[in-house]
Amino acid sequence: MIQFLHDTFPTTTYYPFNLDIFTRTDSIAFESPVTFFMGENGTGKSTLLRAIAKHCHIHIWEERTGHRDPKNPFEDLLHENIRVEWTDGRVAGSYFASEIFRHFAEVLDGWSRVDPGCRDYFGNGSLVVKSHGQSHMSFFENRFRRKGLYLLDEPENALSPTRQLELLRLLGEISRQGNAQFIIATHSPILLAFPQADIYSFDASPIRRIAYEDTDYFRIYRDFLNNRAKYLEGI
């Protein structure tokens, strides 16, 4: 469970502490092995995912550190104002975002020059020389088999629909083993269809659990495929 410590919020003027989504949400429970965060761009999904990672001391592979907005000293402090409760004790974890994965892959290649065996954990080969989709799936297939908390920010970005279905099958296989908790921010109606997953919508405040068929992603894709001409009229 994640609790938002509203009394410790250092400001109500600056992002992310000025977002209703955080000021009006008390907690989020994780009762399924797979939980999705969904919502429009800018609603706070990735911000919360990063805050969970930082609070749990999960490393985020980035080439540069620091605030994106030098006028906002609070931008990267949400992790200090949440509480994470563990059911069976703290576990190690991993944070994945497609836009920073390349940096991780390059660092891994550098390590392998000194310790070639370090790549055994990620498919016995360089992730850099593979396509985006292949390297991502190689990482998922090897990293997820260890017990842990896995935070994924829009993993579908480099995955074709077929690869997304492969990721769904992998999530199902790992979930049945009972060793992993996945929290995934996504726009993909394919990933959101994972059976028995909890889906939290960031499109209304407070954050609330929502059924798959009630997500905008499901409705928009369904309506587009059923009546494509309507949406393409005038284009």
C-alpha atoms as a PDB file:
ATOM      1  CA  MET A   1       0.000   0.000   0.000  1.00  0.00           C
ATOM      2  CA  ILE A   2       1.050   3.569  -0.695  1.00  0.00           C
ATOM      3  CA  GLN A   3      -0.098   6.363   1.585  1.00  0.00           C
ATOM      4  CA  PHE A   4       0.136  10.041   0.705  1.00  0.00           C
ATOM      5  CA  LEU A   5       1.394  12.035   3.688  1.00  0.00           C
ATOM      6  CA  HIS A   6      -0.583  15.196   3.025  1.00  0.00           C
ATOM      7  CA  ASP A   7       0.491  16.816   6.277  1.00  0.00           C
ATOM      8  CA  THR A   8       4.106  16.755   5.123  1.00  0.00           C
ATOM      9  CA  PHE A   9       3.542  18.189   1.639  1.00  0.00           C
ATOM     10  CA  PRO A  10       5.995  21.107   1.470  1.00  0.00           C
ATOM     11  CA  THR A  11       3.833  23.233  -0.849  1.00  0.00           C
ATOM     12  CA  THR A  12       0.446  23.363  -2.522  1.00  0.00           C
ATOM     13  CA  THR A  13       1.599  25.733  -5.255  1.00  0.00           C
ATOM     14  CA  TYR A  14       4.261  23.792  -7.120  1.00  0.00           C
ATOM     15  CA  TYR A  15       4.154  20.571  -9.091  1.00  0.00           C
ATOM     16  CA  PRO A  16       3.572  17.777  -8.158  1.00  0.00           C
ATOM     17  CA  PHE A  17       2.082  18.857  -4.833  1.00  0.00           C
ATOM     18  CA  ASN A  18      -0.443  21.109  -6.546  1.00  0.00           C
ATOM     19  CA  LEU A  19      -2.108  18.199  -8.347  1.00  0.00           C
ATOM     20  CA  ASP A  20      -5.554  17.301  -7.014  1.00  0.00           C
ATOM     21  CA  ILE A  21      -4.761  13.693  -7.877  1.00  0.00           C
ATOM     22  CA  PHE A  22      -2.249  13.622  -5.007  1.00  0.00           C
ATOM     23  CA  THR A  23      -3.832  16.046  -2.547  1.00  0.00           C
ATOM     24  CA  ARG A  24      -7.199  14.250  -2.648  1.00  0.00           C
ATOM     25  CA  THR A  25      -5.971  10.649  -2.681  1.00  0.00           C
ATOM     26  CA  ASP A  26      -5.226   9.078   0.702  1.00  0.00           C
ATOM     27  CA  SER A  27      -3.836   5.706  -0.359  1.00  0.00           C
ATOM     28  CA  ILE A  28      -3.544   3.129  -3.122  1.00  0.00           C
ATOM     29  CA  ALA A  29      -3.765  -0.596  -2.349  1.00  0.00           C
ATOM     30  CA  PHE A  30      -2.007  -3.275  -4.373  1.00  0.00           C
ATOM     31  CA  GLU A  31      -4.093  -6.419  -4.073  1.00  0.00           C
ATOM     32  CA  SER A  32      -3.184  -8.021  -7.412  1.00  0.00           C
ATOM     33  CA  PRO A  33       0.260  -9.103  -8.638  1.00  0.00           C
ATOM     34  CA  VAL A  34      -0.268  -6.672 -11.546  1.00  0.00           C
ATOM     35  CA  THR A  35      -1.487  -3.109 -11.072  1.00  0.00           C
ATOM     36  CA  PHE A  36      -1.871  -0.539 -13.832  1.00  0.00           C
ATOM     37  CA  PHE A  37      -1.817   3.251 -13.674  1.00  0.00           C
ATOM     38  CA  MET A  38      -3.716   4.739 -16.621  1.00  0.00           C
ATOM     39  CA  GLY A  39      -4.673   8.265 -17.586  1.00  0.00           C
ATOM     40  CA  GLU A  40      -3.919  11.122 -19.933  1.00  0.00           C
ATOM     41  CA  ASN A  41      -0.449  12.588 -20.325  1.00  0.00           C
ATOM     42  CA  GLY A  42       0.477  14.864 -17.446  1.00  0.00           C
ATOM     43  CA  THR A  43      -1.890  13.342 -14.900  1.00  0.00           C
ATOM     44  CA  GLY A  44       0.913  12.152 -12.604  1.00  0.00           C
ATOM     45  CA  LYS A  45       1.319   8.450 -13.434  1.00  0.00           C
ATOM     46  CA  SER A  46       5.025   8.567 -14.202  1.00  0.00           C
ATOM     47  CA  THR A  47       5.666  11.035 -11.397  1.00  0.00           C
ATOM     48  CA  LEU A  48       4.188   8.651  -8.848  1.00  0.00           C
ATOM     49  CA  LEU A  49       5.975   5.658 -10.352  1.00  0.00           C
ATOM     50  CA  ARG A  50       9.311   7.444 -10.010  1.00  0.00           C
ATOM     51  CA  ALA A  51       8.468   8.493  -6.463  1.00  0.00           C
ATOM     52  CA  ILE A  52       7.779   4.876  -5.511  1.00  0.00           C
ATOM     53  CA  ALA A  53      11.123   3.853  -7.019  1.00  0.00           C
ATOM     54  CA  LYS A  54      13.048   6.528  -5.150  1.00  0.00           C
ATOM     55  CA  HIS A  55      11.240   5.837  -1.865  1.00  0.00           C
ATOM     56  CA  CYS A  56      12.063   2.114  -2.192  1.00  0.00           C
ATOM     57  CA  HIS A  57      15.699   2.861  -3.114  1.00  0.00           C
ATOM     58  CA  ILE A  58      15.289   1.385  -6.592  1.00  0.00           C
ATOM     59  CA  HIS A  59      17.863   2.876  -8.928  1.00  0.00           C
ATOM     60  CA  ILE A  60      16.713   4.843 -11.965  1.00  0.00           C
ATOM     61  CA  TRP A  61      19.269   4.672 -14.760  1.00  0.00           C
ATOM     62  CA  GLU A  62      19.684   8.222 -15.989  1.00  0.00           C
ATOM     63  CA  GLU A  63      22.521  10.020 -17.706  1.00  0.00           C
ATOM     64  CA  ARG A  64      21.613  13.333 -16.089  1.00  0.00           C
ATOM     65  CA  THR A  65      20.245  14.165 -12.671  1.00  0.00           C
ATOM     66  CA  GLY A  66      18.613  17.281 -11.293  1.00  0.00           C
ATOM     67  CA  HIS A  67      15.354  19.154 -11.703  1.00  0.00           C
ATOM     68  CA  ARG A  68      13.857  19.688 -15.130  1.00  0.00           C
ATOM     69  CA  ASP A  69      12.488  23.016 -13.935  1.00  0.00           C
ATOM     70  CA  PRO A  70      15.117  25.072 -12.060  1.00  0.00           C
ATOM     71  CA  LYS A  71      12.340  27.334 -10.728  1.00  0.00           C
ATOM     72  CA  ASN A  72      10.642  24.433  -8.952  1.00  0.00           C
ATOM     73  CA  PRO A  73      12.616  23.094  -5.979  1.00  0.00           C
ATOM     74  CA  PHE A  74       9.849  20.609  -5.127  1.00  0.00           C
ATOM     75  CA  GLU A  75       9.569  18.731  -8.418  1.00  0.00           C
ATOM     76  CA  ASP A  76      11.493  15.652  -7.330  1.00  0.00           C
ATOM     77  CA  LEU A  77      10.407  15.419  -3.679  1.00  0.00           C
ATOM     78  CA  LEU A  78       7.199  13.388  -3.822  1.00  0.00           C
ATOM     79  CA  HIS A  79       9.074  10.269  -2.661  1.00  0.00           C
ATOM     80  CA  GLU A  80       9.723  11.992   0.677  1.00  0.00           C
ATOM     81  CA  ASN A  81       6.007  12.489   1.247  1.00  0.00           C
ATOM     82  CA  ILE A  82       4.635   8.996   0.720  1.00  0.00           C
ATOM     83  CA  ARG A  83       4.739   5.861   2.850  1.00  0.00           C
ATOM     84  CA  VAL A  84       5.068   2.371   1.374  1.00  0.00           C
ATOM     85  CA  GLU A  85       3.769  -0.545   3.438  1.00  0.00           C
ATOM     86  CA  TRP A  86       5.114  -4.024   2.645  1.00  0.00           C
ATOM     87  CA  THR A  87       3.035  -7.153   3.123  1.00  0.00           C
ATOM     88  CA  ASP A  88       5.849  -9.721   3.338  1.00  0.00           C
ATOM     89  CA  GLY A  89       8.849  -7.497   3.924  1.00  0.00           C
ATOM     90  CA  ARG A  90      10.882  -5.257   1.657  1.00  0.00           C
ATOM     91  CA  VAL A  91      12.218  -6.769  -1.567  1.00  0.00           C
ATOM     92  CA  ALA A  92      14.633  -5.582  -4.229  1.00  0.00           C
ATOM     93  CA  GLY A  93      13.238  -4.052  -7.377  1.00  0.00           C
ATOM     94  CA  SER A  94      13.751  -2.614 -10.816  1.00  0.00           C
ATOM     95  CA  TYR A  95      12.536   0.510 -12.631  1.00  0.00           C
ATOM     96  CA  PHE A  96      12.019   0.468 -16.391  1.00  0.00           C
ATOM     97  CA  ALA A  97      11.253   3.318 -18.749  1.00  0.00           C
ATOM     98  CA  SER A  98      11.884   3.011 -22.473  1.00  0.00           C
ATOM     99  CA  GLU A  99      13.410   6.483 -22.791  1.00  0.00           C
ATOM    100  CA  ILE A 100      16.194   5.681 -20.293  1.00  0.00           C
ATOM    101  CA  PHE A 101      16.634   1.994 -21.101  1.00  0.00           C
ATOM    102  CA  ARG A 102      19.292   2.741 -23.717  1.00  0.00           C
ATOM    103  CA  HIS A 103      21.512   4.238 -21.025  1.00  0.00           C
ATOM    104  CA  PHE A 104      21.182   1.102 -18.912  1.00  0.00           C
ATOM    105  CA  ALA A 105      22.015  -1.097 -21.911  1.00  0.00           C
ATOM    106  CA  GLU A 106      25.157   0.945 -22.635  1.00  0.00           C
ATOM    107  CA  VAL A 107      26.266   0.782 -18.990  1.00  0.00           C
ATOM    108  CA  LEU A 108      25.717  -2.991 -19.034  1.00  0.00           C
ATOM    109  CA  ASP A 109      27.935  -3.288 -22.097  1.00  0.00           C
ATOM    110  CA  GLY A 110      30.626  -1.353 -20.268  1.00  0.00           C
ATOM    111  CA  TRP A 111      30.432  -3.655 -17.269  1.00  0.00           C
ATOM    112  CA  SER A 112      30.633  -6.714 -19.502  1.00  0.00           C
ATOM    113  CA  ARG A 113      34.112  -5.733 -20.659  1.00  0.00           C
ATOM    114  CA  VAL A 114      35.325  -6.345 -17.106  1.00  0.00           C
ATOM    115  CA  ASP A 115      32.825  -9.031 -16.122  1.00  0.00           C
ATOM    116  CA  PRO A 116      31.358 -10.802 -19.195  1.00  0.00           C
ATOM    117  CA  GLY A 117      29.112 -12.897 -16.955  1.00  0.00           C
ATOM    118  CA  CYS A 118      27.033  -9.885 -15.888  1.00  0.00           C
ATOM    119  CA  ARG A 119      25.129 -10.111 -19.184  1.00  0.00           C
ATOM    120  CA  ASP A 120      23.979 -13.630 -18.299  1.00  0.00           C
ATOM    121  CA  TYR A 121      21.196 -12.027 -16.267  1.00  0.00           C
ATOM    122  CA  PHE A 122      19.834 -10.262 -19.354  1.00  0.00           C
ATOM    123  CA  GLY A 123      19.941 -12.843 -22.124  1.00  0.00           C
ATOM    124  CA  ASN A 124      23.637 -13.626 -22.616  1.00  0.00           C
ATOM    125  CA  GLY A 125      24.279 -10.855 -25.108  1.00  0.00           C
ATOM    126  CA  SER A 126      24.480  -7.148 -25.723  1.00  0.00           C
ATOM    127  CA  LEU A 127      21.144  -5.337 -25.442  1.00  0.00           C
ATOM    128  CA  VAL A 128      22.508  -2.461 -27.503  1.00  0.00           C
ATOM    129  CA  VAL A 129      22.823  -4.409 -30.757  1.00  0.00           C
ATOM    130  CA  LYS A 130      19.244  -5.685 -30.623  1.00  0.00           C
ATOM    131  CA  SER A 131      16.191  -3.787 -31.810  1.00  0.00           C
ATOM    132  CA  HIS A 132      14.298  -1.790 -29.202  1.00  0.00           C
ATOM    133  CA  GLY A 133      11.574  -4.396 -28.946  1.00  0.00           C
ATOM    134  CA  GLN A 134      13.993  -7.328 -28.799  1.00  0.00           C
ATOM    135  CA  SER A 135      16.198  -5.710 -26.164  1.00  0.00           C
ATOM    136  CA  HIS A 136      13.203  -4.793 -24.015  1.00  0.00           C
ATOM    137  CA  MET A 137      11.754  -8.297 -24.136  1.00  0.00           C
ATOM    138  CA  SER A 138      15.177  -9.817 -23.385  1.00  0.00           C
ATOM    139  CA  PHE A 139      15.390  -7.608 -20.296  1.00  0.00           C
ATOM    140  CA  PHE A 140      11.848  -8.491 -19.187  1.00  0.00           C
ATOM    141  CA  GLU A 141      12.227 -12.234 -19.724  1.00  0.00           C
ATOM    142  CA  ASN A 142      15.410 -12.430 -17.667  1.00  0.00           C
ATOM    143  CA  ARG A 143      14.971  -9.747 -14.997  1.00  0.00           C
ATOM    144  CA  PHE A 144      11.405 -10.605 -13.968  1.00  0.00           C
ATOM    145  CA  ARG A 145      12.276 -14.159 -12.954  1.00  0.00           C
ATOM    146  CA  ARG A 146      13.794 -12.903  -9.707  1.00  0.00           C
ATOM    147  CA  LYS A 147      11.650 -11.970  -6.744  1.00  0.00           C
ATOM    148  CA  GLY A 148      11.037  -8.248  -6.658  1.00  0.00           C
ATOM    149  CA  LEU A 149       8.997  -5.099  -7.142  1.00  0.00           C
ATOM    150  CA  TYR A 150       8.909  -4.132 -10.822  1.00  0.00           C
ATOM    151  CA  LEU A 151       7.973  -0.616 -11.882  1.00  0.00           C
ATOM    152  CA  LEU A 152       7.396  -0.116 -15.618  1.00  0.00           C
ATOM    153  CA  ASP A 153       6.686   3.219 -17.276  1.00  0.00           C
ATOM    154  CA  GLU A 154       4.921   2.708 -20.623  1.00  0.00           C
ATOM    155  CA  PRO A 155       6.747  -0.512 -21.571  1.00  0.00           C
ATOM    156  CA  GLU A 156       4.645  -0.744 -24.741  1.00  0.00           C
ATOM    157  CA  ASN A 157       6.478   2.180 -26.392  1.00  0.00           C
ATOM    158  CA  ALA A 158       8.889  -0.037 -28.336  1.00  0.00           C
ATOM    159  CA  LEU A 159       6.695  -3.140 -28.522  1.00  0.00           C
ATOM    160  CA  SER A 160       4.570  -4.208 -31.467  1.00  0.00           C
ATOM    161  CA  PRO A 161       1.105  -5.608 -30.663  1.00  0.00           C
ATOM    162  CA  THR A 162       2.576  -9.115 -30.970  1.00  0.00           C
ATOM    163  CA  ARG A 163       5.346  -8.249 -28.508  1.00  0.00           C
ATOM    164  CA  GLN A 164       2.793  -6.750 -26.141  1.00  0.00           C
ATOM    165  CA  LEU A 165       0.951 -10.073 -26.143  1.00  0.00           C
ATOM    166  CA  GLU A 166       4.274 -11.767 -25.352  1.00  0.00           C
ATOM    167  CA  LEU A 167       4.690  -9.409 -22.408  1.00  0.00           C
ATOM    168  CA  LEU A 168       1.165 -10.270 -21.234  1.00  0.00           C
ATOM    169  CA  ARG A 169       2.002 -13.968 -21.296  1.00  0.00           C
ATOM    170  CA  LEU A 170       5.221 -13.308 -19.385  1.00  0.00           C
ATOM    171  CA  LEU A 171       3.363 -11.295 -16.752  1.00  0.00           C
ATOM    172  CA  GLY A 172       0.940 -14.186 -16.357  1.00  0.00           C
ATOM    173  CA  GLU A 173       3.726 -16.736 -15.983  1.00  0.00           C
ATOM    174  CA  ILE A 174       5.656 -14.684 -13.424  1.00  0.00           C
ATOM    175  CA  SER A 175       2.515 -13.728 -11.496  1.00  0.00           C
ATOM    176  CA  ARG A 176       1.545 -17.375 -11.022  1.00  0.00           C
ATOM    177  CA  GLN A 177       4.889 -17.981  -9.328  1.00  0.00           C
ATOM    178  CA  GLY A 178       3.956 -15.431  -6.646  1.00  0.00           C
ATOM    179  CA  ASN A 179       7.380 -13.782  -6.496  1.00  0.00           C
ATOM    180  CA  ALA A 180       6.741 -10.428  -8.096  1.00  0.00           C
ATOM    181  CA  GLN A 181       4.644  -7.285  -7.820  1.00  0.00           C
ATOM    182  CA  PHE A 182       4.235  -5.255 -11.010  1.00  0.00           C
ATOM    183  CA  ILE A 183       3.145  -1.616 -11.118  1.00  0.00           C
ATOM    184  CA  ILE A 184       2.813  -0.438 -14.707  1.00  0.00           C
ATOM    185  CA  ALA A 185       1.931   2.963 -16.139  1.00  0.00           C
ATOM    186  CA  THR A 186       0.491   2.405 -19.599  1.00  0.00           C
ATOM    187  CA  HIS A 187      -1.662   3.679 -22.456  1.00  0.00           C
ATOM    188  CA  SER A 188      -1.984   0.219 -24.001  1.00  0.00           C
ATOM    189  CA  PRO A 189      -5.447  -1.405 -24.111  1.00  0.00           C
ATOM    190  CA  ILE A 190      -3.662  -4.704 -24.795  1.00  0.00           C
ATOM    191  CA  LEU A 191      -1.675  -4.613 -21.555  1.00  0.00           C
ATOM    192  CA  LEU A 192      -4.627  -3.292 -19.567  1.00  0.00           C
ATOM    193  CA  ALA A 193      -6.548  -6.447 -20.517  1.00  0.00           C
ATOM    194  CA  PHE A 194      -4.387  -8.574 -18.196  1.00  0.00           C
ATOM    195  CA  PRO A 195      -6.837 -10.816 -16.281  1.00  0.00           C
ATOM    196  CA  GLN A 196      -7.492  -9.890 -12.637  1.00  0.00           C
ATOM    197  CA  ALA A 197      -5.257  -6.819 -12.826  1.00  0.00           C
ATOM    198  CA  ASP A 198      -6.159  -3.755 -10.787  1.00  0.00           C
ATOM    199  CA  ILE A 199      -6.481  -0.628 -12.931  1.00  0.00           C
ATOM    200  CA  TYR A 200      -6.222   2.788 -11.284  1.00  0.00           C
ATOM    201  CA  SER A 201      -7.426   5.798 -13.243  1.00  0.00           C
ATOM    202  CA  PHE A 202      -5.590   9.113 -12.888  1.00  0.00           C
ATOM    203  CA  ASP A 203      -8.179  10.922 -15.032  1.00  0.00           C
ATOM    204  CA  ALA A 204     -10.312  11.921 -12.042  1.00  0.00           C
ATOM    205  CA  SER A 205      -9.523  12.896  -8.488  1.00  0.00           C
ATOM    206  CA  PRO A 206      -9.075  11.033  -6.235  1.00  0.00           C
ATOM    207  CA  ILE A 207      -7.278   8.165  -7.946  1.00  0.00           C
ATOM    208  CA  ARG A 208      -9.795   5.345  -8.254  1.00  0.00           C
ATOM    209  CA  ARG A 209     -10.002   1.737  -9.334  1.00  0.00           C
ATOM    210  CA  ILE A 210     -11.766   1.233 -12.662  1.00  0.00           C
ATOM    211  CA  ALA A 211     -12.956  -1.719 -14.742  1.00  0.00           C
ATOM    212  CA  TYR A 212     -11.190  -2.458 -18.018  1.00  0.00           C
ATOM    213  CA  GLU A 213     -14.320  -1.854 -20.102  1.00  0.00           C
ATOM    214  CA  ASP A 214     -14.728   1.572 -18.467  1.00  0.00           C
ATOM    215  CA  THR A 215     -11.298   2.855 -19.476  1.00  0.00           C
ATOM    216  CA  ASP A 216     -11.144   5.473 -22.199  1.00  0.00           C
ATOM    217  CA  TYR A 217      -8.476   3.422 -23.971  1.00  0.00           C
ATOM    218  CA  PHE A 218     -10.775   0.433 -24.363  1.00  0.00           C
ATOM    219  CA  ARG A 219     -13.706   2.567 -25.511  1.00  0.00           C
ATOM    220  CA  ILE A 220     -11.731   4.690 -27.987  1.00  0.00           C
ATOM    221  CA  TYR A 221      -9.989   1.729 -29.634  1.00  0.00           C
ATOM    222  CA  ARG A 222     -13.229  -0.272 -29.765  1.00  0.00           C
ATOM    223  CA  ASP A 223     -15.201   2.592 -31.283  1.00  0.00           C
ATOM    224  CA  PHE A 224     -12.446   3.418 -33.772  1.00  0.00           C
ATOM    225  CA  LEU A 225     -12.163  -0.160 -35.011  1.00  0.00           C
ATOM    226  CA  ASN A 226     -15.944  -0.527 -35.242  1.00  0.00           C
ATOM    227  CA  ASN A 227     -16.511   2.801 -37.012  1.00  0.00           C
ATOM    228  CA  ARG A 228     -13.227   3.921 -38.512  1.00  0.00           C
ATOM    229  CA  ALA A 229     -14.856   6.111 -41.157  1.00  0.00           C
ATOM    230  CA  LYS A 230     -16.468   8.320 -38.500  1.00  0.00           C
ATOM    231  CA  TYR A 231     -13.125   9.138 -36.902  1.00  0.00           C
ATOM    232  CA  LEU A 232     -11.336   9.667 -40.208  1.00  0.00           C
ATOM    233  CA  GLU A 233     -13.987  11.949 -41.684  1.00  0.00           C
ATOM    234  CA  GLY A 234     -12.469  15.235 -42.750  1.00  0.00           C
ATOM    235  CA  ILE A 235      -8.873  14.068 -42.416  1.00  0.00           C
END
